[in-house]
Protein backbone atom coordinates (compact mmCIF):
# COMPACT_ATOMS: atom_id res chain seq x y z
CA MET A 1 -2.45 -50.23 -48.35
CA GLN A 2 1.33 -50.18 -47.43
CA HIS A 3 0.46 -51.56 -43.83
CA PRO A 4 1.62 -54.94 -42.72
CA ARG A 5 -2.08 -55.97 -42.68
CA CYS A 6 -2.35 -55.49 -46.53
CA GLN A 7 1.24 -56.30 -47.49
CA ASN A 8 1.41 -59.64 -45.91
CA CYS A 9 -0.99 -61.02 -48.50
CA HIS A 10 -0.39 -58.49 -51.25
CA THR A 11 3.20 -59.58 -51.63
CA SER A 12 5.53 -60.57 -54.53
CA GLY A 13 6.31 -64.20 -54.80
CA ASP A 14 4.09 -67.16 -54.08
CA ALA A 15 4.05 -67.05 -50.28
CA PRO A 16 2.14 -64.79 -47.79
CA ARG A 17 4.01 -63.11 -45.10
CA GLN A 18 2.86 -62.72 -41.40
CA SER A 19 3.16 -60.49 -38.27
CA ASP A 20 3.91 -56.85 -38.36
CA ARG A 21 7.42 -57.46 -39.50
CA GLY A 22 6.32 -59.29 -42.56
CA SER A 23 8.11 -62.68 -41.42
CA ALA A 24 7.96 -65.69 -43.58
CA HIS A 25 4.65 -67.52 -42.97
CA GLN A 26 4.73 -70.63 -40.76
CA PRO A 27 3.87 -73.21 -41.77
CA PRO A 28 5.30 -72.54 -45.33
CA VAL A 29 2.26 -72.28 -47.60
CA ARG A 30 1.89 -71.27 -51.36
CA ARG A 31 -0.63 -69.13 -53.09
CA GLY A 32 -1.96 -71.74 -55.33
CA PRO A 33 -3.89 -71.20 -58.61
CA GLU A 34 -6.98 -69.26 -56.92
CA GLY A 35 -4.95 -67.65 -54.06
CA LYS A 36 -6.50 -70.10 -51.55
CA GLY A 37 -3.51 -72.31 -50.99
CA VAL A 38 -2.38 -75.84 -52.42
CA GLY A 39 -3.58 -79.17 -51.46
CA ALA A 40 -4.22 -79.83 -47.84
CA MET A 41 -2.54 -76.43 -47.03
CA GLN A 42 -5.58 -74.34 -48.07
CA CYS A 43 -5.78 -71.02 -46.32
CA ALA A 44 -9.13 -71.89 -44.81
CA THR A 45 -7.55 -74.84 -43.12
CA CYS A 46 -6.21 -72.66 -40.42
CA HIS A 47 -7.78 -69.26 -41.16
CA LEU A 48 -11.45 -69.64 -40.11
CA GLU A 49 -14.27 -67.13 -40.62
CA GLN A 50 -13.11 -65.34 -37.50
CA ASN A 51 -10.04 -65.04 -35.24
CA ALA A 52 -9.59 -68.06 -33.35
CA ARG A 53 -7.27 -69.30 -30.49
CA SER A 54 -5.16 -72.21 -31.65
CA PRO A 55 -4.52 -74.77 -28.82
CA THR A 56 -1.70 -76.38 -30.84
CA LEU A 57 -0.04 -73.00 -31.74
CA ARG A 58 -1.04 -71.48 -28.30
CA ARG A 59 -1.69 -68.24 -29.97
CA GLU A 60 -4.56 -66.58 -31.93
CA VAL A 61 -4.80 -67.25 -35.69
CA PRO A 62 -6.29 -64.48 -37.83
CA GLY A 63 -9.44 -65.41 -39.49
CA ALA A 64 -12.18 -63.84 -41.82
CA PRO A 65 -14.59 -65.02 -44.42
CA GLY A 66 -13.00 -65.86 -47.68
CA TRP A 67 -9.30 -65.82 -46.34
CA ARG A 68 -7.10 -65.89 -49.48
CA MET A 69 -4.20 -64.13 -51.20
CA PRO A 70 -4.91 -62.36 -54.58
CA PRO A 71 -4.68 -65.02 -57.37
CA PRO A 72 -1.48 -65.36 -59.21
CA GLU A 73 -2.74 -63.78 -62.34
CA ALA A 74 -3.52 -60.70 -60.46
CA PRO A 75 -1.25 -60.54 -57.32
CA MET A 76 -1.76 -56.65 -56.72
CA VAL A 77 1.70 -56.44 -54.99
CA PHE A 78 1.60 -53.69 -52.35
CA ARG A 79 4.82 -54.86 -50.49
CA GLU A 80 7.62 -52.28 -51.52
CA ALA A 81 5.48 -50.73 -54.26
CA GLU A 82 5.79 -47.13 -55.00
CA PRO A 83 2.74 -45.21 -54.39
CA ARG A 84 2.14 -44.03 -57.90
CA ALA A 85 2.70 -47.59 -59.22
CA LEU A 86 0.35 -48.89 -56.69
CA CYS A 87 -2.36 -46.60 -57.64
CA GLU A 88 -1.92 -47.18 -61.29
CA ALA A 89 -2.12 -50.96 -60.58
CA LEU A 90 -5.30 -50.48 -58.41
CA LYS A 91 -7.11 -48.82 -61.47
CA ASP A 92 -5.87 -51.38 -64.08
CA PRO A 93 -8.49 -54.17 -64.59
CA ASP A 94 -5.88 -56.31 -66.09
CA ARG A 95 -3.85 -55.99 -62.74
CA ASN A 96 -6.69 -55.62 -60.11
CA GLY A 97 -8.69 -58.92 -60.70
CA LYS A 98 -10.78 -57.43 -63.70
CA ARG A 99 -12.57 -54.97 -61.40
CA SER A 100 -14.15 -51.76 -62.71
CA ARG A 101 -13.80 -48.76 -60.51
CA GLU A 102 -17.28 -49.34 -59.11
CA GLN A 103 -16.30 -52.95 -58.15
CA LEU A 104 -13.06 -51.76 -56.79
CA GLY A 105 -14.75 -49.35 -54.58
CA ARG A 106 -17.24 -52.22 -53.28
CA HIS A 107 -14.10 -54.39 -52.59
CA MET A 108 -12.28 -51.72 -50.82
CA THR A 109 -15.38 -50.72 -48.59
CA GLU A 110 -17.48 -53.90 -48.20
CA ASP A 111 -15.12 -57.01 -48.42
CA ALA A 112 -15.00 -58.73 -45.10
CA LEU A 113 -11.44 -59.96 -45.61
CA LEU A 114 -10.22 -56.44 -46.05
CA ALA A 115 -12.42 -55.32 -43.20
CA TRP A 116 -10.45 -57.87 -40.97
CA ALA A 117 -7.47 -55.50 -40.99
CA TRP A 118 -9.25 -53.34 -38.30
CA ASN A 119 -9.79 -56.55 -36.08
CA PRO A 120 -6.49 -58.43 -36.59
CA GLY A 121 -6.48 -59.93 -33.26
CA ALA A 122 -4.20 -60.00 -30.31
CA GLY A 123 -0.72 -58.71 -30.92
CA LEU A 124 -1.17 -57.21 -34.45
CA ALA A 125 -1.22 -53.56 -35.26
CA ARG A 126 -4.33 -52.00 -37.04
CA PRO A 127 -3.91 -49.69 -40.12
CA PRO A 128 -3.20 -45.98 -39.05
CA LEU A 129 -6.82 -44.89 -40.34
CA THR A 130 -9.94 -46.14 -38.89
CA ARG A 131 -12.09 -48.26 -41.25
CA ASP A 132 -14.59 -45.34 -41.54
CA GLU A 133 -11.76 -43.02 -42.48
CA PHE A 134 -10.30 -45.55 -44.98
CA ASN A 135 -13.80 -45.94 -46.58
CA ALA A 136 -14.32 -42.32 -46.80
CA ALA A 137 -10.99 -41.76 -48.35
CA ALA A 138 -11.50 -44.59 -50.84
CA ILE A 139 -14.89 -43.35 -51.94
CA ALA A 140 -13.48 -39.71 -52.29
CA TRP A 141 -10.49 -40.91 -54.33
CA LEU A 142 -12.77 -42.88 -56.85
CA ARG A 143 -15.32 -40.01 -56.91
CA ALA A 144 -12.42 -37.63 -57.84
CA GLY A 145 -11.39 -39.89 -60.87
CA ALA A 146 -8.97 -41.94 -58.96
CA PRO A 147 -6.02 -39.52 -59.32
CA CYS A 148 -2.44 -40.93 -58.75
CA PRO A 149 0.27 -39.09 -56.87
C-alpha cells in the first residue's frame, strides 16, 4: 500500500499523482465530490476500462474499470503514512469508505481498479508482492483480526 501504484491516488490533497516518482498529474485534475474528477476533467475521460495507447500523448495511459480516487470524505491517505496509522485507518469505517472488514477484504482482493496495480502498463513498476501474495496476506491479516504493527 506504500507503493506508487497505491499512493498516487491515495494521496493527501485534492489531486492525484502519477509515475513511479509521484509526479504532479498532467493534465492538472482534481478529486471532485465523488473522487471521479470535476466537470470535463473526469478520470474516465482519459483513463479507460484498460490501458490504452494515446496518440495525442504518444504514451500509454493507465486504465481499469471504475478509475477514480477515493472520495474526499474518505481519502484513505497512504502517501507518507506511518504503517500503524495506515493500518488503523484501513480498519475504521469512518475513514475507509464505510467498509466492514468483510467489505474491505473484498475490496482488497476483488476490486478491478486495485488489481490494475499488477498490470500498470509500460514503464510503471508493479508492487513488490504478486497479486496472489497480496491477496493471501490481506486475507490472513483480516482472519487474524487485522492486527496493527
